């Protein structure tokens, strides 16, 4: 069994590794931001559909009241899920801030 030696770390290789890491981090951040924006847009869409159906129900233009109750429940559940995820994210950041280095 032979042990291969570790090659010397030069400033050029360290700079290249740092640049690659920063680029992939920026791509990951952009992808996460895109997913988050998409999720928020979806919640807003559910709430606007629920509001539109509520108005139609009050004015008597809605033939099936179940459509409104389903839309309202979907919007409420989506908002509760988003709120729970936000709370978990805040807890995680708080825990990271408590870590002593």
PDB file of N, CA and C in Angstrom:
ATOM      1  N   UNK A   1       0.841  -1.174   0.000  1.00  0.00           N
ATOM      2  CA  UNK A   1       0.000   0.000   0.000  1.00  0.00           C
ATOM      3  C   UNK A   1       0.884   1.234   0.000  1.00  0.00           C
ATOM      4  N   UNK A   2       0.599   2.116  -0.954  1.00  0.00           N
ATOM      5  CA  UNK A   2       1.403   3.331  -1.016  1.00  0.00           C
ATOM      6  C   UNK A   2       0.503   4.537  -0.775  1.00  0.00           C
ATOM      7  N   UNK A   3       1.091   5.522  -0.205  1.00  0.00           N
ATOM      8  CA  UNK A   3       0.365   6.763   0.078  1.00  0.00           C
ATOM      9  C   UNK A   3       0.834   7.797  -0.924  1.00  0.00           C
ATOM     10  N   UNK A   4      -0.115   8.368  -1.628  1.00  0.00           N
ATOM     11  CA  UNK A   4       0.250   9.404  -2.593  1.00  0.00           C
ATOM     12  C   UNK A   4       0.363  10.731  -1.869  1.00  0.00           C
ATOM     13  N   UNK A   5       1.411  11.467  -2.149  1.00  0.00           N
ATOM     14  CA  UNK A   5       1.586  12.747  -1.455  1.00  0.00           C
ATOM     15  C   UNK A   5       0.577  13.786  -1.941  1.00  0.00           C
ATOM     16  N   UNK A   6       0.261  14.697  -1.079  1.00  0.00           N
ATOM     17  CA  UNK A   6      -0.634  15.799  -1.406  1.00  0.00           C
ATOM     18  C   UNK A   6       0.167  16.831  -2.167  1.00  0.00           C
ATOM     19  N   UNK A   7      -0.358  17.273  -3.291  1.00  0.00           N
ATOM     20  CA  UNK A   7       0.358  18.273  -4.080  1.00  0.00           C
ATOM     21  C   UNK A   7       0.325  19.610  -3.351  1.00  0.00           C
ATOM     22  N   UNK A   8       1.286  20.399  -3.655  1.00  0.00           N
ATOM     23  CA  UNK A   8       1.391  21.705  -3.017  1.00  0.00           C
ATOM     24  C   UNK A   8       0.239  22.595  -3.469  1.00  0.00           C
ATOM     25  N   UNK A   9      -0.277  23.350  -2.548  1.00  0.00           N
ATOM     26  CA  UNK A   9      -1.354  24.278  -2.862  1.00  0.00           C
ATOM     27  C   UNK A   9      -0.718  25.610  -3.217  1.00  0.00           C
ATOM     28  N   UNK A  10      -0.984  26.058  -4.416  1.00  0.00           N
ATOM     29  CA  UNK A  10      -0.456  27.344  -4.843  1.00  0.00           C
ATOM     30  C   UNK A  10      -1.574  28.377  -4.788  1.00  0.00           C
ATOM     31  N   UNK A  11      -1.181  29.623  -4.819  1.00  0.00           N
ATOM     32  CA  UNK A  11      -2.191  30.678  -4.767  1.00  0.00           C
ATOM     33  C   UNK A  11      -3.059  30.672  -6.021  1.00  0.00           C
ATOM     34  N   UNK A  12      -2.504  30.255  -7.148  1.00  0.00           N
ATOM     35  CA  UNK A  12      -3.283  30.206  -8.392  1.00  0.00           C
ATOM     36  C   UNK A  12      -4.352  29.126  -8.314  1.00  0.00           C
ATOM     37  N   UNK A  13      -3.998  27.949  -7.785  1.00  0.00           N
ATOM     38  CA  UNK A  13      -5.001  26.884  -7.684  1.00  0.00           C
ATOM     39  C   UNK A  13      -6.052  27.227  -6.637  1.00  0.00           C
ATOM     40  N   UNK A  14      -5.633  27.906  -5.578  1.00  0.00           N
ATOM     41  CA  UNK A  14      -6.584  28.330  -4.551  1.00  0.00           C
ATOM     42  C   UNK A  14      -7.538  29.383  -5.098  1.00  0.00           C
ATOM     43  N   UNK A  15      -7.028  30.309  -5.896  1.00  0.00           N
ATOM     44  CA  UNK A  15      -7.878  31.344  -6.501  1.00  0.00           C
ATOM     45  C   UNK A  15      -8.879  30.732  -7.473  1.00  0.00           C
ATOM     46  N   UNK A  16      -8.432  29.748  -8.255  1.00  0.00           N
ATOM     47  CA  UNK A  16      -9.323  29.090  -9.202  1.00  0.00           C
ATOM     48  C   UNK A  16     -10.423  28.330  -8.482  1.00  0.00           C
ATOM     49  N   UNK A  17     -10.068  27.642  -7.396  1.00  0.00           N
ATOM     50  CA  UNK A  17     -11.062  26.893  -6.622  1.00  0.00           C
ATOM     51  C   UNK A  17     -12.060  27.843  -5.972  1.00  0.00           C
ATOM     52  N   UNK A  18     -11.583  28.961  -5.466  1.00  0.00           N
ATOM     53  CA  UNK A  18     -12.464  29.945  -4.838  1.00  0.00           C
ATOM     54  C   UNK A  18     -13.412  30.554  -5.865  1.00  0.00           C
ATOM     55  N   UNK A  19     -12.895  30.859  -7.057  1.00  0.00           N
ATOM     56  CA  UNK A  19     -13.735  31.438  -8.110  1.00  0.00           C
ATOM     57  C   UNK A  19     -14.802  30.449  -8.546  1.00  0.00           C
ATOM     58  N   UNK A  20     -14.449  29.170  -8.683  1.00  0.00           N
ATOM     59  CA  UNK A  20     -15.423  28.151  -9.078  1.00  0.00           C
ATOM     60  C   UNK A  20     -16.476  27.975  -8.006  1.00  0.00           C
ATOM     61  N   UNK A  21     -16.052  28.014  -6.750  1.00  0.00           N
ATOM     62  CA  UNK A  21     -16.995  27.876  -5.640  1.00  0.00           C
ATOM     63  C   UNK A  21     -17.952  29.059  -5.592  1.00  0.00           C
ATOM     64  N   UNK A  22     -17.432  30.251  -5.810  1.00  0.00           N
ATOM     65  CA  UNK A  22     -18.267  31.456  -5.798  1.00  0.00           C
ATOM     66  C   UNK A  22     -19.264  31.432  -6.940  1.00  0.00           C
ATOM     67  N   UNK A  23     -18.840  30.978  -8.114  1.00  0.00           N
ATOM     68  CA  UNK A  23     -19.743  30.921  -9.270  1.00  0.00           C
ATOM     69  C   UNK A  23     -20.866  29.919  -9.031  1.00  0.00           C
ATOM     70  N   UNK A  24     -20.534  28.741  -8.495  1.00  0.00           N
ATOM     71  CA  UNK A  24     -21.577  27.751  -8.248  1.00  0.00           C
ATOM     72  C   UNK A  24     -22.492  28.204  -7.111  1.00  0.00           C
ATOM     73  N   UNK A  25     -21.947  28.933  -6.158  1.00  0.00           N
ATOM     74  CA  UNK A  25     -22.767  29.465  -5.067  1.00  0.00           C
ATOM     75  C   UNK A  25     -23.749  30.509  -5.586  1.00  0.00           C
ATOM     76  N   UNK A  26     -23.299  31.333  -6.504  1.00  0.00           N
ATOM     77  CA  UNK A  26     -24.178  32.352  -7.084  1.00  0.00           C
ATOM     78  C   UNK A  26     -25.292  31.690  -7.891  1.00  0.00           C
ATOM     79  N   UNK A  27     -24.958  30.616  -8.634  1.00  0.00           N
ATOM     80  CA  UNK A  27     -25.976  29.903  -9.395  1.00  0.00           C
ATOM     81  C   UNK A  27     -26.990  29.249  -8.471  1.00  0.00           C
ATOM     82  N   UNK A  28     -26.511  28.680  -7.377  1.00  0.00           N
ATOM     83  CA  UNK A  28     -27.400  28.050  -6.407  1.00  0.00           C
ATOM     84  C   UNK A  28     -28.308  29.091  -5.757  1.00  0.00           C
ATOM     85  N   UNK A  29     -27.730  30.246  -5.416  1.00  0.00           N
ATOM     86  CA  UNK A  29     -28.531  31.323  -4.831  1.00  0.00           C
ATOM     87  C   UNK A  29     -29.610  31.793  -5.793  1.00  0.00           C
ATOM     88  N   UNK A  30     -29.253  31.928  -7.069  1.00  0.00           N
ATOM     89  CA  UNK A  30     -30.225  32.381  -8.069  1.00  0.00           C
ATOM     90  C   UNK A  30     -31.326  31.344  -8.255  1.00  0.00           C
ATOM     91  N   UNK A  31     -30.962  30.067  -8.243  1.00  0.00           N
ATOM     92  CA  UNK A  31     -31.958  29.016  -8.399  1.00  0.00           C
ATOM     93  C   UNK A  31     -32.908  28.986  -7.200  1.00  0.00           C
ATOM     94  N   UNK A  32     -32.351  29.145  -5.997  1.00  0.00           N
ATOM     95  CA  UNK A  32     -33.183  29.165  -4.796  1.00  0.00           C
ATOM     96  C   UNK A  32     -34.122  30.366  -4.816  1.00  0.00           C
ATOM     97  N   UNK A  33     -33.599  31.514  -5.192  1.00  0.00           N
ATOM     98  CA  UNK A  33     -34.432  32.718  -5.255  1.00  0.00           C
ATOM     99  C   UNK A  33     -35.550  32.547  -6.273  1.00  0.00           C
ATOM    100  N   UNK A  34     -35.240  31.911  -7.387  1.00  0.00           N
ATOM    101  CA  UNK A  34     -36.249  31.664  -8.411  1.00  0.00           C
ATOM    102  C   UNK A  34     -37.346  30.733  -7.898  1.00  0.00           C
ATOM    103  N   UNK A  35     -36.956  29.666  -7.215  1.00  0.00           N
ATOM    104  CA  UNK A  35     -37.929  28.731  -6.654  1.00  0.00           C
ATOM    105  C   UNK A  35     -38.798  29.412  -5.598  1.00  0.00           C
ATOM    106  N   UNK A  36     -38.182  30.231  -4.770  1.00  0.00           N
ATOM    107  CA  UNK A  36     -38.923  30.935  -3.718  1.00  0.00           C
ATOM    108  C   UNK A  36     -39.921  31.921  -4.326  1.00  0.00           C
ATOM    109  N   UNK A  37     -39.494  32.656  -5.337  1.00  0.00           N
ATOM    110  CA  UNK A  37     -40.395  33.598  -6.002  1.00  0.00           C
ATOM    111  C   UNK A  37     -41.552  32.864  -6.671  1.00  0.00           C
ATOM    112  N   UNK A  38     -41.255  31.725  -7.264  1.00  0.00           N
ATOM    113  CA  UNK A  38     -42.302  30.929  -7.900  1.00  0.00           C
ATOM    114  C   UNK A  38     -43.321  30.434  -6.874  1.00  0.00           C
ATOM    115  N   UNK A  39     -42.842  30.008  -5.716  1.00  0.00           N
ATOM    116  CA  UNK A  39     -43.744  29.529  -4.666  1.00  0.00           C
ATOM    117  C   UNK A  39     -44.631  30.659  -4.142  1.00  0.00           C
ATOM    118  N   UNK A  40     -44.052  31.826  -3.950  1.00  0.00           N
ATOM    119  CA  UNK A  40     -44.831  32.973  -3.468  1.00  0.00           C
ATOM    120  C   UNK A  40     -45.875  33.376  -4.515  1.00  0.00           C
ATOM    121  N   UNK A  41     -45.490  33.350  -5.782  1.00  0.00           N
ATOM    122  CA  UNK A  41     -46.444  33.660  -6.847  1.00  0.00           C
ATOM    123  C   UNK A  41     -47.590  32.650  -6.867  1.00  0.00           C
ATOM    124  N   UNK A  42     -47.274  31.381  -6.609  1.00  0.00           N
ATOM    125  CA  UNK A  42     -48.312  30.351  -6.551  1.00  0.00           C
ATOM    126  C   UNK A  42     -49.289  30.591  -5.420  1.00  0.00           C
ATOM    127  N   UNK A  43     -48.778  31.000  -4.264  1.00  0.00           N
ATOM    128  CA  UNK A  43     -49.647  31.295  -3.120  1.00  0.00           C
ATOM    129  C   UNK A  43     -50.532  32.497  -3.428  1.00  0.00           C
ATOM    130  N   UNK A  44     -49.948  33.511  -4.048  1.00  0.00           N
ATOM    131  CA  UNK A  44     -50.741  34.689  -4.416  1.00  0.00           C
ATOM    132  C   UNK A  44     -51.821  34.327  -5.424  1.00  0.00           C
ATOM    133  N   UNK A  45     -51.506  33.430  -6.342  1.00  0.00           N
ATOM    134  CA  UNK A  45     -52.494  32.984  -7.320  1.00  0.00           C
ATOM    135  C   UNK A  45     -53.647  32.249  -6.660  1.00  0.00           C
ATOM    136  N   UNK A  46     -53.322  31.389  -5.697  1.00  0.00           N
ATOM    137  CA  UNK A  46     -54.374  30.666  -4.977  1.00  0.00           C
ATOM    138  C   UNK A  46     -55.274  31.628  -4.196  1.00  0.00           C
ATOM    139  N   UNK A  47     -54.656  32.631  -3.568  1.00  0.00           N
ATOM    140  CA  UNK A  47     -55.444  33.587  -2.802  1.00  0.00           C
ATOM    141  C   UNK A  47     -56.313  34.459  -3.705  1.00  0.00           C
ATOM    142  N   UNK A  48     -55.811  34.839  -4.861  1.00  0.00           N
ATOM    143  CA  UNK A  48     -56.626  35.666  -5.757  1.00  0.00           C
ATOM    144  C   UNK A  48     -57.779  34.849  -6.341  1.00  0.00           C
ATOM    145  N   UNK A  49     -57.544  33.566  -6.635  1.00  0.00           N
ATOM    146  CA  UNK A  49     -58.621  32.698  -7.102  1.00  0.00           C
ATOM    147  C   UNK A  49     -59.687  32.549  -6.030  1.00  0.00           C
ATOM    148  N   UNK A  50     -59.244  32.367  -4.790  1.00  0.00           N
ATOM    149  CA  UNK A  50     -60.175  32.245  -3.672  1.00  0.00           C
ATOM    150  C   UNK A  50     -60.996  33.523  -3.509  1.00  0.00           C
ATOM    151  N   UNK A  51     -60.348  34.670  -3.613  1.00  0.00           N
ATOM    152  CA  UNK A  51     -61.059  35.947  -3.481  1.00  0.00           C
ATOM    153  C   UNK A  51     -62.064  36.154  -4.612  1.00  0.00           C
ATOM    154  N   UNK A  52     -61.651  35.788  -5.817  1.00  0.00           N
ATOM    155  CA  UNK A  52     -62.557  35.931  -6.965  1.00  0.00           C
ATOM    156  C   UNK A  52     -63.785  35.040  -6.799  1.00  0.00           C
ATOM    157  N   UNK A  53     -63.568  33.799  -6.357  1.00  0.00           N
ATOM    158  CA  UNK A  53     -64.701  32.896  -6.152  1.00  0.00           C
ATOM    159  C   UNK A  53     -65.586  33.363  -4.995  1.00  0.00           C
ATOM    160  N   UNK A  54     -64.999  33.977  -3.978  1.00  0.00           N
ATOM    161  CA  UNK A  54     -65.793  34.511  -2.870  1.00  0.00           C
ATOM    162  C   UNK A  54     -66.710  35.628  -3.354  1.00  0.00           C
ATOM    163  N   UNK A  55     -66.175  36.491  -4.195  1.00  0.00           N
ATOM    164  CA  UNK A  55     -66.993  37.581  -4.740  1.00  0.00           C
ATOM    165  C   UNK A  55     -68.120  37.016  -5.601  1.00  0.00           C
ATOM    166  N   UNK A  56     -67.783  36.019  -6.417  1.00  0.00           N
ATOM    167  CA  UNK A  56     -68.809  35.403  -7.256  1.00  0.00           C
ATOM    168  C   UNK A  56     -69.869  34.700  -6.418  1.00  0.00           C
ATOM    169  N   UNK A  57     -69.465  34.126  -5.285  1.00  0.00           N
ATOM    170  CA  UNK A  57     -70.428  33.451  -4.410  1.00  0.00           C
ATOM    171  C   UNK A  57     -71.363  34.454  -3.749  1.00  0.00           C
ATOM    172  N   UNK A  58     -70.817  35.587  -3.334  1.00  0.00           N
ATOM    173  CA  UNK A  58     -71.632  36.597  -2.667  1.00  0.00           C
ATOM    174  C   UNK A  58     -72.619  37.243  -3.635  1.00  0.00           C
ATOM    175  N   UNK A  59     -72.185  37.455  -4.867  1.00  0.00           N
ATOM    176  CA  UNK A  59     -73.070  38.093  -5.841  1.00  0.00           C
ATOM    177  C   UNK A  59     -74.053  37.115  -6.476  1.00  0.00           C
ATOM    178  N   UNK A  60     -73.876  35.825  -6.215  1.00  0.00           N
ATOM    179  CA  UNK A  60     -74.799  34.835  -6.735  1.00  0.00           C
ATOM    180  C   UNK A  60     -74.413  34.295  -8.104  1.00  0.00           C
ATOM    181  N   UNK A  61     -73.232  34.639  -8.589  1.00  0.00           N
ATOM    182  CA  UNK A  61     -72.782  34.182  -9.906  1.00  0.00           C
ATOM    183  C   UNK A  61     -72.121  32.809  -9.868  1.00  0.00           C
ATOM    184  N   UNK A  62     -71.877  32.280  -8.687  1.00  0.00           N
ATOM    185  CA  UNK A  62     -71.205  30.987  -8.554  1.00  0.00           C
ATOM    186  C   UNK A  62     -72.247  29.891  -8.433  1.00  0.00           C
ATOM    187  N   UNK A  63     -72.188  28.938  -9.342  1.00  0.00           N
ATOM    188  CA  UNK A  63     -73.207  27.884  -9.347  1.00  0.00           C
ATOM    189  C   UNK A  63     -72.914  26.803  -8.319  1.00  0.00           C
ATOM    190  N   UNK A  64     -71.634  26.524  -8.056  1.00  0.00           N
ATOM    191  CA  UNK A  64     -71.274  25.456  -7.128  1.00  0.00           C
ATOM    192  C   UNK A  64     -70.436  26.043  -5.989  1.00  0.00           C
ATOM    193  N   UNK A  65     -71.012  26.069  -4.806  1.00  0.00           N
ATOM    194  CA  UNK A  65     -70.338  26.652  -3.646  1.00  0.00           C
ATOM    195  C   UNK A  65     -69.101  25.845  -3.242  1.00  0.00           C
ATOM    196  N   UNK A  66     -69.058  24.578  -3.641  1.00  0.00           N
ATOM    197  CA  UNK A  66     -67.908  23.750  -3.293  1.00  0.00           C
ATOM    198  C   UNK A  66     -66.618  24.262  -3.929  1.00  0.00           C
ATOM    199  N   UNK A  67     -66.731  24.867  -5.098  1.00  0.00           N
ATOM    200  CA  UNK A  67     -65.545  25.428  -5.746  1.00  0.00           C
ATOM    201  C   UNK A  67     -64.894  26.478  -4.863  1.00  0.00           C
ATOM    202  N   UNK A  68     -65.705  27.333  -4.269  1.00  0.00           N
ATOM    203  CA  UNK A  68     -65.168  28.359  -3.386  1.00  0.00           C
ATOM    204  C   UNK A  68     -64.544  27.750  -2.144  1.00  0.00           C
ATOM    205  N   UNK A  69     -65.227  26.802  -1.515  1.00  0.00           N
ATOM    206  CA  UNK A  69     -64.678  26.232  -0.280  1.00  0.00           C
ATOM    207  C   UNK A  69     -63.374  25.488  -0.543  1.00  0.00           C
ATOM    208  N   UNK A  70     -63.289  24.815  -1.677  1.00  0.00           N
ATOM    209  CA  UNK A  70     -62.043  24.112  -2.018  1.00  0.00           C
ATOM    210  C   UNK A  70     -60.924  25.112  -2.270  1.00  0.00           C
ATOM    211  N   UNK A  71     -61.210  26.164  -3.021  1.00  0.00           N
ATOM    212  CA  UNK A  71     -60.187  27.174  -3.314  1.00  0.00           C
ATOM    213  C   UNK A  71     -59.737  27.887  -2.042  1.00  0.00           C
ATOM    214  N   UNK A  72     -60.684  28.193  -1.167  1.00  0.00           N
ATOM    215  CA  UNK A  72     -60.326  28.868   0.079  1.00  0.00           C
ATOM    216  C   UNK A  72     -59.472  27.965   0.964  1.00  0.00           C
ATOM    217  N   UNK A  73     -59.791  26.686   1.009  1.00  0.00           N
ATOM    218  CA  UNK A  73     -59.011  25.752   1.821  1.00  0.00           C
ATOM    219  C   UNK A  73     -57.613  25.569   1.245  1.00  0.00           C
ATOM    220  N   UNK A  74     -57.505  25.461  -0.081  1.00  0.00           N
ATOM    221  CA  UNK A  74     -56.190  25.344  -0.711  1.00  0.00           C
ATOM    222  C   UNK A  74     -55.323  26.559  -0.403  1.00  0.00           C
ATOM    223  N   UNK A  75     -55.910  27.746  -0.490  1.00  0.00           N
ATOM    224  CA  UNK A  75     -55.157  28.969  -0.209  1.00  0.00           C
ATOM    225  C   UNK A  75     -54.725  29.014   1.254  1.00  0.00           C
ATOM    226  N   UNK A  76     -55.608  28.619   2.153  1.00  0.00           N
ATOM    227  CA  UNK A  76     -55.272  28.647   3.581  1.00  0.00           C
ATOM    228  C   UNK A  76     -54.170  27.651   3.905  1.00  0.00           C
ATOM    229  N   UNK A  77     -54.248  26.456   3.348  1.00  0.00           N
ATOM    230  CA  UNK A  77     -53.229  25.433   3.617  1.00  0.00           C
ATOM    231  C   UNK A  77     -51.879  25.868   3.042  1.00  0.00           C
ATOM    232  N   UNK A  78     -51.873  26.438   1.836  1.00  0.00           N
ATOM    233  CA  UNK A  78     -50.627  26.905   1.227  1.00  0.00           C
ATOM    234  C   UNK A  78     -49.999  28.016   2.061  1.00  0.00           C
ATOM    235  N   UNK A  79     -50.811  28.920   2.571  1.00  0.00           N
ATOM    236  CA  UNK A  79     -50.292  30.000   3.402  1.00  0.00           C
ATOM    237  C   UNK A  79     -49.756  29.474   4.728  1.00  0.00           C
ATOM    238  N   UNK A  80     -50.433  28.501   5.331  1.00  0.00           N
ATOM    239  CA  UNK A  80     -49.936  27.902   6.567  1.00  0.00           C
ATOM    240  C   UNK A  80     -48.614  27.181   6.342  1.00  0.00           C
ATOM    241  N   UNK A  81     -48.483  26.494   5.207  1.00  0.00           N
ATOM    242  CA  UNK A  81     -47.239  25.804   4.883  1.00  0.00           C
ATOM    243  C   UNK A  81     -46.108  26.800   4.706  1.00  0.00           C
ATOM    244  N   UNK A  82     -46.361  27.876   3.988  1.00  0.00           N
ATOM    245  CA  UNK A  82     -45.335  28.904   3.788  1.00  0.00           C
ATOM    246  C   UNK A  82     -44.923  29.527   5.114  1.00  0.00           C
ATOM    247  N   UNK A  83     -45.883  29.751   5.980  1.00  0.00           N
ATOM    248  CA  UNK A  83     -45.586  30.312   7.294  1.00  0.00           C
ATOM    249  C   UNK A  83     -44.746  29.346   8.131  1.00  0.00           C
ATOM    250  N   UNK A  84     -45.074  28.063   8.079  1.00  0.00           N
ATOM    251  CA  UNK A  84     -44.303  27.062   8.829  1.00  0.00           C
ATOM    252  C   UNK A  84     -42.873  26.970   8.296  1.00  0.00           C
ATOM    253  N   UNK A  85     -42.714  27.026   6.968  1.00  0.00           N
ATOM    254  CA  UNK A  85     -41.371  26.990   6.392  1.00  0.00           C
ATOM    255  C   UNK A  85     -40.563  28.220   6.788  1.00  0.00           C
ATOM    256  N   UNK A  86     -41.214  29.367   6.805  1.00  0.00           N
ATOM    257  CA  UNK A  86     -40.521  30.588   7.226  1.00  0.00           C
ATOM    258  C   UNK A  86     -40.072  30.481   8.668  1.00  0.00           C
ATOM    259  N   UNK A  87     -40.953  29.959   9.531  1.00  0.00           N
ATOM    260  CA  UNK A  87     -40.596  29.806  10.943  1.00  0.00           C
ATOM    261  C   UNK A  87     -39.424  28.861  11.126  1.00  0.00           C
ATOM    262  N   UNK A  88     -39.405  27.753  10.364  1.00  0.00           N
ATOM    263  CA  UNK A  88     -38.291  26.809  10.444  1.00  0.00           C
ATOM    264  C   UNK A  88     -36.992  27.449   9.960  1.00  0.00           C
ATOM    265  N   UNK A  89     -37.070  28.252   8.913  1.00  0.00           N
ATOM    266  CA  UNK A  89     -35.875  28.923   8.404  1.00  0.00           C
ATOM    267  C   UNK A  89     -35.336  29.912   9.431  1.00  0.00           C
ATOM    268  N   UNK A  90     -36.227  30.636  10.085  1.00  0.00           N
ATOM    269  CA  UNK A  90     -35.800  31.579  11.117  1.00  0.00           C
ATOM    270  C   UNK A  90     -35.166  30.822  12.284  1.00  0.00           C
ATOM    271  N   UNK A  91     -35.751  29.694  12.680  1.00  0.00           N
ATOM    272  CA  UNK A  91     -35.163  28.875  13.745  1.00  0.00           C
ATOM    273  C   UNK A  91     -33.776  28.387  13.354  1.00  0.00           C
ATOM    274  N   UNK A  92     -33.602  27.967  12.114  1.00  0.00           N
ATOM    275  CA  UNK A  92     -32.308  27.464  11.656  1.00  0.00           C
ATOM    276  C   UNK A  92     -31.255  28.563  11.676  1.00  0.00           C
ATOM    277  N   UNK A  93     -31.622  29.748  11.218  1.00  0.00           N
ATOM    278  CA  UNK A  93     -30.675  30.865  11.237  1.00  0.00           C
ATOM    279  C   UNK A  93     -30.323  31.229  12.671  1.00  0.00           C
ATOM    280  N   UNK A  94     -31.297  31.201  13.556  1.00  0.00           N
ATOM    281  CA  UNK A  94     -31.045  31.499  14.967  1.00  0.00           C
ATOM    282  C   UNK A  94     -30.077  30.486  15.572  1.00  0.00           C
ATOM    283  N   UNK A  95     -30.252  29.221  15.242  1.00  0.00           N
ATOM    284  CA  UNK A  95     -29.368  28.181  15.755  1.00  0.00           C
ATOM    285  C   UNK A  95     -27.956  28.354  15.208  1.00  0.00           C
ATOM    286  N   UNK A  96     -27.832  28.706  13.938  1.00  0.00           N
ATOM    287  CA  UNK A  96     -26.502  28.927  13.351  1.00  0.00           C
ATOM    288  C   UNK A  96     -25.825  30.096  14.037  1.00  0.00           C
ATOM    289  N   UNK A  97     -26.586  31.122  14.362  1.00  0.00           N
ATOM    290  CA  UNK A  97     -25.994  32.300  15.026  1.00  0.00           C
ATOM    291  C   UNK A  97     -25.534  31.972  16.450  1.00  0.00           C
ATOM    292  N   UNK A  98     -26.137  30.977  17.055  1.00  0.00           N
ATOM    293  CA  UNK A  98     -25.743  30.596  18.425  1.00  0.00           C
ATOM    294  C   UNK A  98     -24.480  29.765  18.472  1.00  0.00           C
ATOM    295  N   UNK A  99     -24.086  29.189  17.346  1.00  0.00           N
ATOM    296  CA  UNK A  99     -22.899  28.320  17.318  1.00  0.00           C
ATOM    297  C   UNK A  99     -21.658  29.161  17.628  1.00  0.00           C
ATOM    298  N   UNK A 100     -20.896  28.681  18.595  1.00  0.00           N
ATOM    299  CA  UNK A 100     -19.656  29.372  18.959  1.00  0.00           C
ATOM    300  C   UNK A 100     -18.503  28.733  18.196  1.00  0.00           C
ATOM    301  N   UNK A 101     -17.705  29.582  17.621  1.00  0.00           N
ATOM    302  CA  UNK A 101     -16.583  29.077  16.826  1.00  0.00           C
ATOM    303  C   UNK A 101     -15.334  29.063  17.664  1.00  0.00           C
TER     304      UNK A 101
END
